[in-house]
N, C-alpha and C. Protein backbone atom coordinates (compact mmCIF):
# COMPACT_ATOMS: atom_id res chain seq x y z
N MET A 1 -8.41 9.54 -5.37
CA MET A 1 -7.83 8.35 -4.80
C MET A 1 -6.78 8.80 -3.77
N LYS A 2 -6.93 8.35 -2.53
CA LYS A 2 -6.00 8.72 -1.47
C LYS A 2 -5.27 7.46 -1.01
N LEU A 3 -3.95 7.48 -1.13
CA LEU A 3 -3.15 6.29 -0.87
C LEU A 3 -2.07 6.53 0.18
N ILE A 4 -1.66 5.43 0.79
CA ILE A 4 -0.58 5.43 1.79
C ILE A 4 0.53 4.54 1.24
N PHE A 5 1.73 5.07 1.19
CA PHE A 5 2.89 4.29 0.75
C PHE A 5 3.57 3.71 1.98
N ILE A 6 3.69 2.37 2.03
CA ILE A 6 4.31 1.73 3.19
C ILE A 6 5.72 1.25 2.90
N GLY A 7 6.09 1.13 1.64
CA GLY A 7 7.45 0.73 1.28
C GLY A 7 7.46 -0.50 0.38
N ASP A 8 8.41 -0.53 -0.53
CA ASP A 8 8.52 -1.61 -1.50
C ASP A 8 8.85 -2.96 -0.87
N ARG A 9 9.53 -2.96 0.26
CA ARG A 9 9.97 -4.22 0.85
C ARG A 9 8.80 -5.11 1.28
N PHE A 10 7.65 -4.51 1.57
CA PHE A 10 6.50 -5.31 2.00
C PHE A 10 6.06 -6.28 0.90
N TYR A 11 6.14 -5.84 -0.34
CA TYR A 11 5.76 -6.70 -1.47
C TYR A 11 6.67 -7.92 -1.56
N SER A 12 7.97 -7.70 -1.51
CA SER A 12 8.90 -8.83 -1.65
C SER A 12 8.97 -9.69 -0.40
N GLU A 13 8.99 -9.08 0.77
CA GLU A 13 9.11 -9.86 2.00
C GLU A 13 7.86 -10.69 2.30
N SER A 14 6.71 -10.25 1.78
CA SER A 14 5.47 -11.01 1.98
C SER A 14 5.24 -12.01 0.84
N LYS A 15 6.20 -12.09 -0.07
CA LYS A 15 6.07 -12.96 -1.25
C LYS A 15 4.82 -12.59 -2.05
N THR A 16 4.64 -11.31 -2.27
CA THR A 16 3.59 -10.65 -3.05
C THR A 16 2.21 -10.66 -2.40
N MET A 17 2.10 -11.08 -1.15
CA MET A 17 0.81 -11.06 -0.46
C MET A 17 0.38 -9.64 -0.08
N MET A 18 1.37 -8.74 0.02
CA MET A 18 1.10 -7.35 0.36
C MET A 18 1.55 -6.46 -0.79
N SER A 19 1.12 -5.23 -0.74
CA SER A 19 1.54 -4.24 -1.72
C SER A 19 2.37 -3.17 -1.02
N SER A 20 2.94 -2.29 -1.80
CA SER A 20 3.65 -1.16 -1.21
C SER A 20 2.73 0.03 -0.99
N ILE A 21 1.50 -0.06 -1.52
CA ILE A 21 0.52 1.02 -1.36
C ILE A 21 -0.84 0.46 -0.96
N TYR A 22 -1.51 1.21 -0.09
CA TYR A 22 -2.86 0.88 0.37
C TYR A 22 -3.69 2.16 0.35
N ASP A 23 -5.01 2.00 0.19
CA ASP A 23 -5.82 3.21 0.30
C ASP A 23 -6.02 3.55 1.78
N ILE A 24 -6.61 4.68 2.04
CA ILE A 24 -6.72 5.15 3.42
C ILE A 24 -7.67 4.29 4.26
N HIS A 25 -8.40 3.38 3.61
CA HIS A 25 -9.29 2.46 4.32
C HIS A 25 -8.63 1.11 4.58
N GLY A 26 -7.36 0.96 4.16
CA GLY A 26 -6.62 -0.27 4.39
C GLY A 26 -6.75 -1.30 3.29
N ASN A 27 -7.34 -0.93 2.16
CA ASN A 27 -7.47 -1.85 1.04
C ASN A 27 -6.21 -1.84 0.18
N ARG A 28 -5.75 -3.02 -0.17
CA ARG A 28 -4.56 -3.15 -1.01
C ARG A 28 -4.80 -2.48 -2.36
N GLN A 29 -3.80 -1.76 -2.82
CA GLN A 29 -3.83 -1.13 -4.14
C GLN A 29 -2.54 -1.52 -4.86
N ASP A 30 -2.47 -1.22 -6.13
CA ASP A 30 -1.21 -1.44 -6.85
C ASP A 30 -1.04 -0.34 -7.89
N TRP A 31 0.14 -0.32 -8.48
CA TRP A 31 0.47 0.77 -9.40
C TRP A 31 -0.40 0.72 -10.65
N GLY A 32 -0.93 -0.45 -11.00
CA GLY A 32 -1.86 -0.54 -12.12
C GLY A 32 -3.14 0.24 -11.85
N PHE A 33 -3.66 0.15 -10.61
CA PHE A 33 -4.84 0.93 -10.23
C PHE A 33 -4.54 2.42 -10.26
N VAL A 34 -3.34 2.79 -9.84
CA VAL A 34 -2.94 4.21 -9.86
C VAL A 34 -2.93 4.71 -11.30
N SER A 35 -2.31 3.95 -12.18
CA SER A 35 -2.23 4.32 -13.59
C SER A 35 -3.62 4.44 -14.21
N GLU A 36 -4.48 3.48 -13.91
CA GLU A 36 -5.84 3.51 -14.44
C GLU A 36 -6.61 4.73 -13.94
N ALA A 37 -6.47 5.04 -12.67
CA ALA A 37 -7.15 6.21 -12.10
C ALA A 37 -6.68 7.49 -12.80
N LEU A 38 -5.38 7.61 -13.00
CA LEU A 38 -4.86 8.80 -13.66
C LEU A 38 -5.33 8.89 -15.11
N GLU A 39 -5.35 7.76 -15.79
CA GLU A 39 -5.82 7.75 -17.18
C GLU A 39 -7.30 8.14 -17.27
N ASN A 40 -8.05 7.86 -16.20
CA ASN A 40 -9.47 8.22 -16.16
C ASN A 40 -9.71 9.63 -15.62
N GLY A 41 -8.64 10.38 -15.42
CA GLY A 41 -8.76 11.77 -14.99
C GLY A 41 -8.91 11.98 -13.50
N GLN A 42 -8.73 10.92 -12.71
CA GLN A 42 -8.83 11.05 -11.26
C GLN A 42 -7.52 11.58 -10.68
N SER A 43 -7.63 12.33 -9.60
CA SER A 43 -6.44 12.76 -8.88
C SER A 43 -5.99 11.63 -7.97
N VAL A 44 -4.69 11.48 -7.83
CA VAL A 44 -4.11 10.47 -6.96
C VAL A 44 -3.20 11.17 -5.96
N HIS A 45 -3.47 10.96 -4.69
CA HIS A 45 -2.66 11.55 -3.63
C HIS A 45 -2.00 10.41 -2.86
N ILE A 46 -0.68 10.44 -2.81
CA ILE A 46 0.08 9.39 -2.11
C ILE A 46 0.92 10.06 -1.03
N ARG A 47 0.83 9.51 0.18
CA ARG A 47 1.63 10.05 1.28
C ARG A 47 2.32 8.88 1.98
N PRO A 48 3.41 9.17 2.68
CA PRO A 48 4.06 8.11 3.45
C PRO A 48 3.19 7.71 4.63
N ALA A 49 3.29 6.46 5.03
CA ALA A 49 2.55 5.95 6.19
C ALA A 49 3.05 6.64 7.46
N THR A 50 2.13 6.86 8.38
CA THR A 50 2.52 7.37 9.70
C THR A 50 3.17 6.22 10.48
N LYS A 51 3.79 6.53 11.59
CA LYS A 51 4.40 5.49 12.42
C LYS A 51 3.36 4.47 12.87
N SER A 52 2.20 4.94 13.24
CA SER A 52 1.12 4.06 13.68
C SER A 52 0.65 3.15 12.55
N GLU A 53 0.45 3.72 11.38
CA GLU A 53 0.03 2.92 10.22
C GLU A 53 1.10 1.90 9.86
N LEU A 54 2.35 2.33 9.87
CA LEU A 54 3.44 1.43 9.53
C LEU A 54 3.52 0.27 10.51
N ALA A 55 3.28 0.54 11.80
CA ALA A 55 3.28 -0.52 12.80
C ALA A 55 2.21 -1.56 12.49
N HIS A 56 1.06 -1.11 12.04
CA HIS A 56 -0.03 -2.02 11.66
C HIS A 56 0.41 -2.93 10.51
N TYR A 57 1.02 -2.34 9.49
CA TYR A 57 1.44 -3.13 8.33
C TYR A 57 2.64 -4.03 8.65
N GLU A 58 3.49 -3.60 9.56
CA GLU A 58 4.59 -4.47 10.01
C GLU A 58 4.03 -5.72 10.68
N LYS A 59 3.00 -5.54 11.50
CA LYS A 59 2.36 -6.67 12.16
C LYS A 59 1.73 -7.61 11.13
N MET A 60 1.10 -7.03 10.14
CA MET A 60 0.50 -7.81 9.07
C MET A 60 1.57 -8.62 8.33
N LEU A 61 2.71 -7.98 8.06
CA LEU A 61 3.80 -8.64 7.37
C LEU A 61 4.30 -9.84 8.18
N GLU A 62 4.45 -9.65 9.48
CA GLU A 62 4.91 -10.75 10.33
C GLU A 62 3.95 -11.94 10.27
N GLU A 63 2.67 -11.68 10.21
CA GLU A 63 1.68 -12.75 10.09
C GLU A 63 1.85 -13.51 8.77
N TYR A 64 2.09 -12.78 7.69
CA TYR A 64 2.28 -13.43 6.38
C TYR A 64 3.56 -14.26 6.35
N LYS A 65 4.55 -13.85 7.09
CA LYS A 65 5.83 -14.56 7.11
C LYS A 65 5.78 -15.87 7.87
N LYS A 66 4.76 -16.06 8.72
CA LYS A 66 4.66 -17.27 9.53
C LYS A 66 4.33 -18.49 8.70
């Protein structure tokens, strides 16, 4: 499982419409999925979002705030 961490504020500022983690394909993930993957013996790799990725999620957040 390869994940991108965008930050905890996205969850609260979007009123739970977004998560703080997404997979590398842009699908929303949550810590429950991470826990389940680890319990099933899968490796989980989490990295911070790049500036470009973060800009994408910032734009998404602005849309949810409207």
